[in-house]
Amino acid sequence: MFDDKSILITGGTGSFGKEFVKLILERYKPKKLIIYSRDELKQFEMESVFHENCMRYFLGDVRDRDRLMQAMSEVDFVIHAAALKQVPAAEYNPMECIKTNIHGAENVIQAALANGVESVMALSTDKAANPINLYGATKLASDKLFVAANNIAGKKRTRFSVTRYGNVVGSRGSVVPFFKKLIDENSDHLPITDEGMTRFWITLPQGVNFVLKNFQRMHGGEIFIPKIPSIKVVDLAKAMAPEIPQKKIGVRPGEKIHEIMCPADDSHLTLEFSDHFVIKPTIQFNSVADFSINKLKETGQPVERAFEYHSGKNPHFLELEEIIEFNNLAGF
């Protein structure tokens, strides 16, 4: 699918971007693989690892529509991974989060439409479902923009979809490297915000593979959600350092006890497939797609009314040994 194609990834120097590039180069022969991001040092470091002839490194911010217009010239596929993601930072700097996560999403959409990009996949988060923090609210707005962009596209070929998943094991700024740092520093405790806290859990390769498969599945307008396990944060701490005591510190600003990926209020739009869910768009002006049958001919069925995909009610929780295995896969 990606052979002899040009692919651009915004925020491409992040954890997802690096794994995405690694897998694309292993499996395909793209014409161009464009890393679009604003940090020249991270691009320099990434170029020392990925320096194949197809690689291109574009300095630019998703807030800059003109630069995006230029960067997407003759591009076939776009993955929108750029975002401000830290929940407390977003609470403290709300307008900066809005500029990147909402206005940036609008700029990506307009640049893709202007350049006739074939398919755009935006990365979302479980925090966008029933959001209580600003980061989640901006990602919900971003999701809505990308879904609605299919109506704006009209008869143009460009189609937009969204992939939403939970916490990525070992991603930058997440709990696993934070705990690892405290363990390496011989901390006398591991901080736990709440004993009942749960999270959806996915490895970086699983997330990237899911996104790649969704490009093959998409009609345009879907929100794709993988079926993945949950963990209890207290179990994560036990798995990483069973000998270190845990200390409750209270919930951080904007933090949830549990996460949701398919809200009950969207149950009438939700389809269940063998290994994932799809939330259909609420409005379809220009599409007559049957979302119950994707482009790979996989079939889905409507879920029950009030169905909710909830990290605390997930039928699949990881045991301690499984958490250790997940962490090992992520290099921790």
C-alpha atoms as a PDB file:
ATOM      1  CA  MET A   1       0.000   0.000   0.000  1.00  0.00           C
ATOM      2  CA  PHE A   2       2.833   2.406   0.801  1.00  0.00           C
ATOM      3  CA  ASP A   3       5.311   1.323  -1.884  1.00  0.00           C
ATOM      4  CA  ASP A   4       6.373   4.238  -4.097  1.00  0.00           C
ATOM      5  CA  LYS A   5       4.121   6.571  -2.075  1.00  0.00           C
ATOM      6  CA  SER A   6       4.941   9.797  -0.236  1.00  0.00           C
ATOM      7  CA  ILE A   7       4.062   9.788   3.471  1.00  0.00           C
ATOM      8  CA  LEU A   8       4.187  12.714   5.892  1.00  0.00           C
ATOM      9  CA  ILE A   9       3.949  12.413   9.668  1.00  0.00           C
ATOM     10  CA  THR A  10       3.434  15.482  11.829  1.00  0.00           C
ATOM     11  CA  GLY A  11       5.197  15.340  15.169  1.00  0.00           C
ATOM     12  CA  GLY A  12       7.347  12.695  13.530  1.00  0.00           C
ATOM     13  CA  THR A  13      10.242  12.836  16.013  1.00  0.00           C
ATOM     14  CA  GLY A  14       8.067  11.526  18.852  1.00  0.00           C
ATOM     15  CA  SER A  15       7.804   7.951  20.102  1.00  0.00           C
ATOM     16  CA  PHE A  16       5.111   7.042  17.575  1.00  0.00           C
ATOM     17  CA  GLY A  17       6.943   8.634  14.667  1.00  0.00           C
ATOM     18  CA  LYS A  18      10.166   6.749  15.286  1.00  0.00           C
ATOM     19  CA  GLU A  19       8.421   3.382  15.529  1.00  0.00           C
ATOM     20  CA  PHE A  20       6.281   4.198  12.500  1.00  0.00           C
ATOM     21  CA  VAL A  21       9.344   5.023  10.391  1.00  0.00           C
ATOM     22  CA  LYS A  22      11.104   1.867  11.567  1.00  0.00           C
ATOM     23  CA  LEU A  23       8.199  -0.365  10.531  1.00  0.00           C
ATOM     24  CA  ILE A  24       7.552   1.430   7.226  1.00  0.00           C
ATOM     25  CA  LEU A  25      11.200   1.076   6.181  1.00  0.00           C
ATOM     26  CA  GLU A  26      11.180  -2.609   7.134  1.00  0.00           C
ATOM     27  CA  ARG A  27       8.029  -3.455   5.154  1.00  0.00           C
ATOM     28  CA  TYR A  28       7.711  -0.988   2.288  1.00  0.00           C
ATOM     29  CA  LYS A  29       9.675   1.063  -0.210  1.00  0.00           C
ATOM     30  CA  PRO A  30       8.195   4.560   0.035  1.00  0.00           C
ATOM     31  CA  LYS A  31       9.099   7.282  -2.418  1.00  0.00           C
ATOM     32  CA  LYS A  32       9.368   9.846   0.378  1.00  0.00           C
ATOM     33  CA  LEU A  33       8.959   9.613   4.131  1.00  0.00           C
ATOM     34  CA  ILE A  34       8.651  13.130   5.514  1.00  0.00           C
ATOM     35  CA  ILE A  35       9.222  13.964   9.178  1.00  0.00           C
ATOM     36  CA  TYR A  36       7.475  17.234   9.971  1.00  0.00           C
ATOM     37  CA  SER A  37       8.245  18.685  13.402  1.00  0.00           C
ATOM     38  CA  ARG A  38       9.479  21.834  15.091  1.00  0.00           C
ATOM     39  CA  ASP A  39      12.504  20.540  17.064  1.00  0.00           C
ATOM     40  CA  GLU A  40      15.758  20.685  15.097  1.00  0.00           C
ATOM     41  CA  LEU A  41      17.743  18.750  17.726  1.00  0.00           C
ATOM     42  CA  LYS A  42      15.303  15.822  17.712  1.00  0.00           C
ATOM     43  CA  GLN A  43      15.383  15.817  13.912  1.00  0.00           C
ATOM     44  CA  PHE A  44      19.193  15.805  13.957  1.00  0.00           C
ATOM     45  CA  GLU A  45      19.200  12.866  16.379  1.00  0.00           C
ATOM     46  CA  MET A  46      16.568  10.977  14.365  1.00  0.00           C
ATOM     47  CA  GLU A  47      18.440  11.543  11.111  1.00  0.00           C
ATOM     48  CA  SER A  48      21.497   9.838  12.602  1.00  0.00           C
ATOM     49  CA  VAL A  49      19.362   6.675  12.900  1.00  0.00           C
ATOM     50  CA  PHE A  50      17.092   6.961   9.856  1.00  0.00           C
ATOM     51  CA  HIS A  51      19.018   8.384   6.914  1.00  0.00           C
ATOM     52  CA  GLU A  52      17.715   6.361   3.956  1.00  0.00           C
ATOM     53  CA  ASN A  53      17.377   8.123   0.621  1.00  0.00           C
ATOM     54  CA  CYS A  54      13.613   8.411   0.992  1.00  0.00           C
ATOM     55  CA  MET A  55      13.836  10.298   4.292  1.00  0.00           C
ATOM     56  CA  ARG A  56      13.048  14.009   4.410  1.00  0.00           C
ATOM     57  CA  TYR A  57      13.228  16.214   7.498  1.00  0.00           C
ATOM     58  CA  PHE A  58      11.029  19.331   7.419  1.00  0.00           C
ATOM     59  CA  LEU A  59      11.205  21.896  10.197  1.00  0.00           C
ATOM     60  CA  GLY A  60       7.763  23.325  10.804  1.00  0.00           C
ATOM     61  CA  ASP A  61       4.907  23.729  13.262  1.00  0.00           C
ATOM     62  CA  VAL A  62       1.328  22.554  12.704  1.00  0.00           C
ATOM     63  CA  ARG A  63       0.325  26.065  13.745  1.00  0.00           C
ATOM     64  CA  ASP A  64       1.881  27.297  10.469  1.00  0.00           C
ATOM     65  CA  ARG A  65      -0.606  26.567   7.671  1.00  0.00           C
ATOM     66  CA  ASP A  66       1.640  27.935   4.897  1.00  0.00           C
ATOM     67  CA  ARG A  67       4.480  25.625   5.870  1.00  0.00           C
ATOM     68  CA  LEU A  68       2.101  22.649   6.002  1.00  0.00           C
ATOM     69  CA  MET A  69       0.791  23.549   2.533  1.00  0.00           C
ATOM     70  CA  GLN A  70       4.340  23.437   1.230  1.00  0.00           C
ATOM     71  CA  ALA A  71       5.282  20.251   3.097  1.00  0.00           C
ATOM     72  CA  MET A  72       2.247  18.291   1.794  1.00  0.00           C
ATOM     73  CA  SER A  73       2.932  18.948  -1.867  1.00  0.00           C
ATOM     74  CA  GLU A  74       2.626  15.621  -3.774  1.00  0.00           C
ATOM     75  CA  VAL A  75       2.047  13.706  -0.511  1.00  0.00           C
ATOM     76  CA  ASP A  76      -0.227  10.627  -0.630  1.00  0.00           C
ATOM     77  CA  PHE A  77      -0.687   9.758   3.060  1.00  0.00           C
ATOM     78  CA  VAL A  78      -0.581  11.871   6.224  1.00  0.00           C
ATOM     79  CA  ILE A  79      -0.404  10.715   9.844  1.00  0.00           C
ATOM     80  CA  HIS A  80      -1.183  13.538  12.245  1.00  0.00           C
ATOM     81  CA  ALA A  81       0.670  12.734  15.464  1.00  0.00           C
ATOM     82  CA  ALA A  82       1.685  16.251  16.567  1.00  0.00           C
ATOM     83  CA  ALA A  83       0.030  17.391  19.791  1.00  0.00           C
ATOM     84  CA  LEU A  84       0.630  18.900  23.189  1.00  0.00           C
ATOM     85  CA  LYS A  85      -0.143  15.900  25.402  1.00  0.00           C
ATOM     86  CA  GLN A  86       0.776  16.588  29.027  1.00  0.00           C
ATOM     87  CA  VAL A  87      -2.432  16.927  31.048  1.00  0.00           C
ATOM     88  CA  PRO A  88      -1.156  19.248  33.857  1.00  0.00           C
ATOM     89  CA  ALA A  89       0.733  21.445  31.355  1.00  0.00           C
ATOM     90  CA  ALA A  90      -2.422  21.835  29.277  1.00  0.00           C
ATOM     91  CA  GLU A  91      -4.414  22.834  32.367  1.00  0.00           C
ATOM     92  CA  TYR A  92      -1.829  25.533  33.116  1.00  0.00           C
ATOM     93  CA  ASN A  93      -1.294  26.656  29.485  1.00  0.00           C
ATOM     94  CA  PRO A  94      -4.725  26.204  27.909  1.00  0.00           C
ATOM     95  CA  MET A  95      -4.368  28.537  24.910  1.00  0.00           C
ATOM     96  CA  GLU A  96      -1.107  26.921  23.816  1.00  0.00           C
ATOM     97  CA  CYS A  97      -2.796  23.506  23.857  1.00  0.00           C
ATOM     98  CA  ILE A  98      -5.736  24.890  21.860  1.00  0.00           C
ATOM     99  CA  LYS A  99      -3.423  26.480  19.262  1.00  0.00           C
ATOM    100  CA  THR A 100      -1.593  23.213  18.605  1.00  0.00           C
ATOM    101  CA  ASN A 101      -4.293  20.584  19.082  1.00  0.00           C
ATOM    102  CA  ILE A 102      -7.290  22.382  17.535  1.00  0.00           C
ATOM    103  CA  HIS A 103      -5.956  25.086  15.246  1.00  0.00           C
ATOM    104  CA  GLY A 104      -3.154  22.742  14.197  1.00  0.00           C
ATOM    105  CA  ALA A 105      -5.705  20.065  13.285  1.00  0.00           C
ATOM    106  CA  GLU A 106      -7.594  22.583  11.130  1.00  0.00           C
ATOM    107  CA  ASN A 107      -4.350  23.514   9.366  1.00  0.00           C
ATOM    108  CA  VAL A 108      -3.535  19.862   8.634  1.00  0.00           C
ATOM    109  CA  ILE A 109      -7.013  19.364   7.160  1.00  0.00           C
ATOM    110  CA  GLN A 110      -6.831  22.434   4.934  1.00  0.00           C
ATOM    111  CA  ALA A 111      -3.335  21.584   3.700  1.00  0.00           C
ATOM    112  CA  ALA A 112      -4.368  17.992   2.936  1.00  0.00           C
ATOM    113  CA  LEU A 113      -7.421  19.138   0.975  1.00  0.00           C
ATOM    114  CA  ALA A 114      -5.465  21.763  -0.945  1.00  0.00           C
ATOM    115  CA  ASN A 115      -2.808  19.222  -1.959  1.00  0.00           C
ATOM    116  CA  GLY A 116      -5.160  16.358  -2.814  1.00  0.00           C
ATOM    117  CA  VAL A 117      -3.714  13.998  -0.208  1.00  0.00           C
ATOM    118  CA  GLU A 118      -5.312  10.552  -0.531  1.00  0.00           C
ATOM    119  CA  SER A 119      -5.778   9.565   3.146  1.00  0.00           C
ATOM    120  CA  VAL A 120      -5.214  11.268   6.483  1.00  0.00           C
ATOM    121  CA  MET A 121      -5.157   9.420   9.811  1.00  0.00           C
ATOM    122  CA  ALA A 122      -5.263  11.521  12.976  1.00  0.00           C
ATOM    123  CA  LEU A 123      -4.067  10.031  16.249  1.00  0.00           C
ATOM    124  CA  SER A 124      -6.383  10.507  19.204  1.00  0.00           C
ATOM    125  CA  THR A 125      -6.461   9.423  22.842  1.00  0.00           C
ATOM    126  CA  ASP A 126      -8.792   7.809  25.337  1.00  0.00           C
ATOM    127  CA  LYS A 127      -8.853  11.182  27.100  1.00  0.00           C
ATOM    128  CA  ALA A 128     -10.941  12.547  24.200  1.00  0.00           C
ATOM    129  CA  ALA A 129     -13.913  10.395  25.259  1.00  0.00           C
ATOM    130  CA  ASN A 130     -16.044  12.161  27.893  1.00  0.00           C
ATOM    131  CA  PRO A 131     -13.168  14.583  28.568  1.00  0.00           C
ATOM    132  CA  ILE A 132     -12.694  16.278  31.925  1.00  0.00           C
ATOM    133  CA  ASN A 133      -9.312  17.895  31.170  1.00  0.00           C
ATOM    134  CA  LEU A 134      -8.347  20.476  28.576  1.00  0.00           C
ATOM    135  CA  TYR A 135      -6.058  18.099  26.701  1.00  0.00           C
ATOM    136  CA  GLY A 136      -8.907  15.624  26.256  1.00  0.00           C
ATOM    137  CA  ALA A 137     -11.296  18.409  25.247  1.00  0.00           C
ATOM    138  CA  THR A 138      -8.901  19.673  22.561  1.00  0.00           C
ATOM    139  CA  LYS A 139      -8.443  16.152  21.204  1.00  0.00           C
ATOM    140  CA  LEU A 140     -12.206  15.638  21.108  1.00  0.00           C
ATOM    141  CA  ALA A 141     -12.471  18.865  19.103  1.00  0.00           C
ATOM    142  CA  SER A 142      -9.664  17.618  16.854  1.00  0.00           C
ATOM    143  CA  ASP A 143     -11.457  14.280  16.335  1.00  0.00           C
ATOM    144  CA  LYS A 144     -14.640  16.123  15.373  1.00  0.00           C
ATOM    145  CA  LEU A 145     -12.729  18.293  12.907  1.00  0.00           C
ATOM    146  CA  PHE A 146     -11.163  15.316  11.156  1.00  0.00           C
ATOM    147  CA  VAL A 147     -14.439  13.386  10.961  1.00  0.00           C
ATOM    148  CA  ALA A 148     -16.313  16.422   9.620  1.00  0.00           C
ATOM    149  CA  ALA A 149     -13.529  17.095   7.094  1.00  0.00           C
ATOM    150  CA  ASN A 150     -14.941  14.264   4.979  1.00  0.00           C
ATOM    151  CA  ASN A 151     -18.023  16.400   4.397  1.00  0.00           C
ATOM    152  CA  ILE A 152     -15.907  19.440   3.555  1.00  0.00           C
ATOM    153  CA  ALA A 153     -13.960  17.335   1.037  1.00  0.00           C
ATOM    154  CA  GLY A 154     -17.025  16.775  -1.105  1.00  0.00           C
ATOM    155  CA  LYS A 155     -15.980  15.097  -4.346  1.00  0.00           C
ATOM    156  CA  LYS A 156     -12.262  15.526  -3.658  1.00  0.00           C
ATOM    157  CA  ARG A 157     -10.401  12.255  -3.136  1.00  0.00           C
ATOM    158  CA  THR A 158      -9.064  13.132   0.329  1.00  0.00           C
ATOM    159  CA  ARG A 159     -10.510  11.062   3.169  1.00  0.00           C
ATOM    160  CA  PHE A 160      -9.947  11.486   6.900  1.00  0.00           C
ATOM    161  CA  SER A 161     -10.216   9.018   9.796  1.00  0.00           C
ATOM    162  CA  VAL A 162      -9.122   8.873  13.436  1.00  0.00           C
ATOM    163  CA  THR A 163      -7.343   6.216  15.497  1.00  0.00           C
ATOM    164  CA  ARG A 164      -7.945   6.371  19.253  1.00  0.00           C
ATOM    165  CA  TYR A 165      -6.102   4.255  21.808  1.00  0.00           C
ATOM    166  CA  GLY A 166      -4.920   4.269  25.411  1.00  0.00           C
ATOM    167  CA  ASN A 167      -1.634   4.692  27.259  1.00  0.00           C
ATOM    168  CA  VAL A 168       1.408   3.592  25.281  1.00  0.00           C
ATOM    169  CA  VAL A 169       3.841   1.565  27.378  1.00  0.00           C
ATOM    170  CA  GLY A 170       7.044   3.537  27.818  1.00  0.00           C
ATOM    171  CA  SER A 171       6.152   6.588  25.727  1.00  0.00           C
ATOM    172  CA  ARG A 172       7.887   9.830  26.661  1.00  0.00           C
ATOM    173  CA  GLY A 173       6.421  11.508  29.735  1.00  0.00           C
ATOM    174  CA  SER A 174       4.332   8.474  30.695  1.00  0.00           C
ATOM    175  CA  VAL A 175       4.212   6.572  33.969  1.00  0.00           C
ATOM    176  CA  VAL A 176       6.565   3.675  33.088  1.00  0.00           C
ATOM    177  CA  PRO A 177       9.699   5.788  32.430  1.00  0.00           C
ATOM    178  CA  PHE A 178       8.719   7.967  35.407  1.00  0.00           C
ATOM    179  CA  PHE A 179       8.609   4.946  37.726  1.00  0.00           C
ATOM    180  CA  LYS A 180      11.832   3.610  36.159  1.00  0.00           C
ATOM    181  CA  LYS A 181      13.611   6.887  36.915  1.00  0.00           C
ATOM    182  CA  LEU A 182      12.506   6.778  40.560  1.00  0.00           C
ATOM    183  CA  ILE A 183      13.597   3.138  40.863  1.00  0.00           C
ATOM    184  CA  ASP A 184      17.035   3.937  39.380  1.00  0.00           C
ATOM    185  CA  GLU A 185      17.371   6.819  41.852  1.00  0.00           C
ATOM    186  CA  ASN A 186      16.632   4.454  44.763  1.00  0.00           C
ATOM    187  CA  SER A 187      13.484   6.325  45.763  1.00  0.00           C
ATOM    188  CA  ASP A 188      11.959   5.234  49.076  1.00  0.00           C
ATOM    189  CA  HIS A 189       8.466   5.057  47.500  1.00  0.00           C
ATOM    190  CA  LEU A 190       6.514   5.116  44.230  1.00  0.00           C
ATOM    191  CA  PRO A 191       3.775   7.781  44.090  1.00  0.00           C
ATOM    192  CA  ILE A 192       0.260   6.506  43.348  1.00  0.00           C
ATOM    193  CA  THR A 193      -2.427   9.080  42.630  1.00  0.00           C
ATOM    194  CA  ASP A 194      -5.311   6.724  43.505  1.00  0.00           C
ATOM    195  CA  GLU A 195      -5.386   3.028  44.467  1.00  0.00           C
ATOM    196  CA  GLY A 196      -8.308   2.323  42.145  1.00  0.00           C
ATOM    197  CA  MET A 197      -6.858   3.981  39.038  1.00  0.00           C
ATOM    198  CA  THR A 198      -6.917   1.948  35.806  1.00  0.00           C
ATOM    199  CA  ARG A 199      -5.610   2.561  32.309  1.00  0.00           C
ATOM    200  CA  PHE A 200      -5.869   0.969  28.885  1.00  0.00           C
ATOM    201  CA  TRP A 201      -2.483  -0.496  27.926  1.00  0.00           C
ATOM    202  CA  ILE A 202      -0.872  -0.874  24.493  1.00  0.00           C
ATOM    203  CA  THR A 203       2.681  -1.251  23.217  1.00  0.00           C
ATOM    204  CA  LEU A 204       4.115   1.148  20.643  1.00  0.00           C
ATOM    205  CA  PRO A 205       4.418  -1.501  17.874  1.00  0.00           C
ATOM    206  CA  GLN A 206       0.799  -2.533  18.499  1.00  0.00           C
ATOM    207  CA  GLY A 207      -0.308   1.084  18.129  1.00  0.00           C
ATOM    208  CA  VAL A 208       1.651   1.610  14.915  1.00  0.00           C
ATOM    209  CA  ASN A 209       0.439  -1.660  13.392  1.00  0.00           C
ATOM    210  CA  PHE A 210      -3.145  -0.715  14.241  1.00  0.00           C
ATOM    211  CA  VAL A 211      -2.751   2.632  12.461  1.00  0.00           C
ATOM    212  CA  LEU A 212      -1.236   0.975   9.380  1.00  0.00           C
ATOM    213  CA  LYS A 213      -4.089  -1.541   9.214  1.00  0.00           C
ATOM    214  CA  ASN A 214      -6.647   1.256   9.603  1.00  0.00           C
ATOM    215  CA  PHE A 215      -5.363   2.946   6.442  1.00  0.00           C
ATOM    216  CA  GLN A 216      -6.377  -0.235   4.647  1.00  0.00           C
ATOM    217  CA  ARG A 217      -9.736  -0.415   6.458  1.00  0.00           C
ATOM    218  CA  MET A 218     -10.942   3.180   6.231  1.00  0.00           C
ATOM    219  CA  HIS A 219     -13.826   4.574   4.212  1.00  0.00           C
ATOM    220  CA  GLY A 220     -13.381   7.989   5.831  1.00  0.00           C
ATOM    221  CA  GLY A 221     -15.072   9.352   8.940  1.00  0.00           C
ATOM    222  CA  GLU A 222     -14.462   6.405  11.278  1.00  0.00           C
ATOM    223  CA  ILE A 223     -12.918   6.540  14.736  1.00  0.00           C
ATOM    224  CA  PHE A 224     -10.994   3.266  15.100  1.00  0.00           C
ATOM    225  CA  ILE A 225     -10.479   1.875  18.625  1.00  0.00           C
ATOM    226  CA  PRO A 226      -8.468  -1.287  19.351  1.00  0.00           C
ATOM    227  CA  LYS A 227      -9.513  -3.983  21.799  1.00  0.00           C
ATOM    228  CA  ILE A 228      -6.672  -3.838  24.313  1.00  0.00           C
ATOM    229  CA  PRO A 229      -6.182  -4.839  27.959  1.00  0.00           C
ATOM    230  CA  SER A 230      -6.349  -2.663  31.063  1.00  0.00           C
ATOM    231  CA  ILE A 231      -3.993  -2.441  34.012  1.00  0.00           C
ATOM    232  CA  LYS A 232      -4.323  -1.274  37.586  1.00  0.00           C
ATOM    233  CA  VAL A 233      -1.681   1.362  38.302  1.00  0.00           C
ATOM    234  CA  VAL A 234      -0.952  -0.235  41.691  1.00  0.00           C
ATOM    235  CA  ASP A 235      -0.210  -3.487  39.829  1.00  0.00           C
ATOM    236  CA  LEU A 236       2.149  -1.631  37.500  1.00  0.00           C
ATOM    237  CA  ALA A 237       4.077  -0.336  40.523  1.00  0.00           C
ATOM    238  CA  LYS A 238       4.187  -3.861  42.026  1.00  0.00           C
ATOM    239  CA  ALA A 239       5.389  -5.345  38.754  1.00  0.00           C
ATOM    240  CA  MET A 240       8.172  -2.787  38.367  1.00  0.00           C
ATOM    241  CA  ALA A 241       9.326  -2.630  42.005  1.00  0.00           C
ATOM    242  CA  PRO A 242       7.646  -5.102  44.363  1.00  0.00           C
ATOM    243  CA  GLU A 243      10.031  -4.167  47.176  1.00  0.00           C
ATOM    244  CA  ILE A 244       9.362  -0.394  47.094  1.00  0.00           C
ATOM    245  CA  PRO A 245       6.404   0.962  49.111  1.00  0.00           C
ATOM    246  CA  GLN A 246       3.648   2.894  47.375  1.00  0.00           C
ATOM    247  CA  LYS A 247       2.492   6.297  48.604  1.00  0.00           C
ATOM    248  CA  LYS A 248      -0.866   7.851  47.697  1.00  0.00           C
ATOM    249  CA  ILE A 249      -0.400  11.460  46.558  1.00  0.00           C
ATOM    250  CA  GLY A 250      -3.858  12.332  45.217  1.00  0.00           C
ATOM    251  CA  VAL A 251      -5.244  12.808  41.725  1.00  0.00           C
ATOM    252  CA  ARG A 252      -3.424  15.370  39.580  1.00  0.00           C
ATOM    253  CA  PRO A 253      -5.235  18.322  37.933  1.00  0.00           C
ATOM    254  CA  GLY A 254      -7.437  17.043  35.109  1.00  0.00           C
ATOM    255  CA  GLU A 255      -6.705  13.362  35.786  1.00  0.00           C
ATOM    256  CA  LYS A 256      -9.348  10.619  35.626  1.00  0.00           C
ATOM    257  CA  ILE A 257      -9.563   7.512  37.792  1.00  0.00           C
ATOM    258  CA  HIS A 258     -10.608   5.440  34.753  1.00  0.00           C
ATOM    259  CA  GLU A 259     -10.468   6.067  31.004  1.00  0.00           C
ATOM    260  CA  ILE A 260     -13.142   5.509  28.358  1.00  0.00           C
ATOM    261  CA  MET A 261     -12.636   4.883  24.646  1.00  0.00           C
ATOM    262  CA  CYS A 262     -16.228   4.196  23.513  1.00  0.00           C
ATOM    263  CA  PRO A 263     -18.668   6.402  25.453  1.00  0.00           C
ATOM    264  CA  ALA A 264     -22.146   5.069  26.242  1.00  0.00           C
ATOM    265  CA  ASP A 265     -23.645   8.122  24.530  1.00  0.00           C
ATOM    266  CA  ASP A 266     -22.046   6.969  21.265  1.00  0.00           C
ATOM    267  CA  SER A 267     -23.274   3.381  21.580  1.00  0.00           C
ATOM    268  CA  HIS A 268     -25.843   3.867  18.803  1.00  0.00           C
ATOM    269  CA  LEU A 269     -22.915   4.715  16.488  1.00  0.00           C
ATOM    270  CA  THR A 270     -20.516   1.997  17.683  1.00  0.00           C
ATOM    271  CA  LEU A 271     -19.734  -1.173  15.755  1.00  0.00           C
ATOM    272  CA  GLU A 272     -17.810  -4.134  17.179  1.00  0.00           C
ATOM    273  CA  PHE A 273     -15.332  -5.997  14.972  1.00  0.00           C
ATOM    274  CA  SER A 274     -13.215  -8.996  15.962  1.00  0.00           C
ATOM    275  CA  ASP A 275     -10.275  -6.980  17.300  1.00  0.00           C
ATOM    276  CA  HIS A 276     -11.505  -3.387  17.326  1.00  0.00           C
ATOM    277  CA  PHE A 277     -14.440  -1.009  17.540  1.00  0.00           C
ATOM    278  CA  VAL A 278     -15.529   1.694  15.105  1.00  0.00           C
ATOM    279  CA  ILE A 279     -17.496   4.817  15.999  1.00  0.00           C
ATOM    280  CA  LYS A 280     -19.374   5.972  12.913  1.00  0.00           C
ATOM    281  CA  PRO A 281     -19.715   9.672  12.052  1.00  0.00           C
ATOM    282  CA  THR A 282     -22.842  11.365  13.364  1.00  0.00           C
ATOM    283  CA  ILE A 283     -23.511  13.162  10.059  1.00  0.00           C
ATOM    284  CA  GLN A 284     -22.824  11.904   6.535  1.00  0.00           C
ATOM    285  CA  PHE A 285     -23.512  14.395   3.766  1.00  0.00           C
ATOM    286  CA  ASN A 286     -21.295  13.063   1.013  1.00  0.00           C
ATOM    287  CA  SER A 287     -20.718   9.424   1.952  1.00  0.00           C
ATOM    288  CA  VAL A 288     -22.900   6.385   1.498  1.00  0.00           C
ATOM    289  CA  ALA A 289     -20.318   4.045   2.999  1.00  0.00           C
ATOM    290  CA  ASP A 290     -21.486   0.951   4.851  1.00  0.00           C
ATOM    291  CA  PHE A 291     -19.257   1.208   7.897  1.00  0.00           C
ATOM    292  CA  SER A 292     -20.219  -2.303   9.027  1.00  0.00           C
ATOM    293  CA  ILE A 293     -18.044  -3.634   6.181  1.00  0.00           C
ATOM    294  CA  ASN A 294     -14.609  -2.044   5.918  1.00  0.00           C
ATOM    295  CA  LYS A 295     -12.288  -1.908   2.906  1.00  0.00           C
ATOM    296  CA  LEU A 296     -10.682  -5.194   4.036  1.00  0.00           C
ATOM    297  CA  LYS A 297     -14.150  -6.796   3.996  1.00  0.00           C
ATOM    298  CA  GLU A 298     -14.089  -7.273   7.779  1.00  0.00           C
ATOM    299  CA  THR A 299     -17.590  -7.071   9.245  1.00  0.00           C
ATOM    300  CA  GLY A 300     -18.826  -5.445  12.422  1.00  0.00           C
ATOM    301  CA  GLN A 301     -22.030  -5.592  14.432  1.00  0.00           C
ATOM    302  CA  PRO A 302     -23.819  -2.859  16.408  1.00  0.00           C
ATOM    303  CA  VAL A 303     -23.124  -2.933  20.142  1.00  0.00           C
ATOM    304  CA  GLU A 304     -25.873  -2.934  22.748  1.00  0.00           C
ATOM    305  CA  ARG A 305     -27.433   0.361  23.778  1.00  0.00           C
ATOM    306  CA  ALA A 306     -25.467   2.092  26.562  1.00  0.00           C
ATOM    307  CA  PHE A 307     -22.391  -0.039  25.779  1.00  0.00           C
ATOM    308  CA  GLU A 308     -19.251   1.597  27.159  1.00  0.00           C
ATOM    309  CA  TYR A 309     -15.631   0.587  26.626  1.00  0.00           C
ATOM    310  CA  HIS A 310     -14.242   1.507  30.054  1.00  0.00           C
ATOM    311  CA  SER A 311     -10.766   0.771  31.463  1.00  0.00           C
ATOM    312  CA  GLY A 312     -12.198  -0.139  34.872  1.00  0.00           C
ATOM    313  CA  LYS A 313     -14.822  -2.518  33.426  1.00  0.00           C
ATOM    314  CA  ASN A 314     -12.635  -4.083  30.753  1.00  0.00           C
ATOM    315  CA  PRO A 315     -12.994  -7.905  30.691  1.00  0.00           C
ATOM    316  CA  HIS A 316      -9.240  -8.171  30.048  1.00  0.00           C
ATOM    317  CA  PHE A 317      -6.894  -7.014  32.840  1.00  0.00           C
ATOM    318  CA  LEU A 318      -3.184  -7.799  32.759  1.00  0.00           C
ATOM    319  CA  GLU A 319      -1.687  -9.903  35.552  1.00  0.00           C
ATOM    320  CA  LEU A 320       1.657  -8.896  37.098  1.00  0.00           C
ATOM    321  CA  GLU A 321       3.620 -11.281  34.866  1.00  0.00           C
ATOM    322  CA  GLU A 322       1.906  -9.898  31.779  1.00  0.00           C
ATOM    323  CA  ILE A 323       2.678  -6.318  32.812  1.00  0.00           C
ATOM    324  CA  ILE A 324       6.346  -7.270  33.172  1.00  0.00           C
ATOM    325  CA  GLU A 325       6.255  -8.819  29.698  1.00  0.00           C
ATOM    326  CA  PHE A 326       4.692  -5.666  28.209  1.00  0.00           C
ATOM    327  CA  ASN A 327       7.346  -3.518  29.914  1.00  0.00           C
ATOM    328  CA  ASN A 328      10.113  -5.760  28.587  1.00  0.00           C
ATOM    329  CA  LEU A 329       8.764  -5.360  25.058  1.00  0.00           C
ATOM    330  CA  ALA A 330       8.997  -1.600  25.561  1.00  0.00           C
ATOM    331  CA  GLY A 331      12.574  -1.831  26.845  1.00  0.00           C
ATOM    332  CA  PHE A 332      11.826  -1.323  30.554  1.00  0.00           C
END
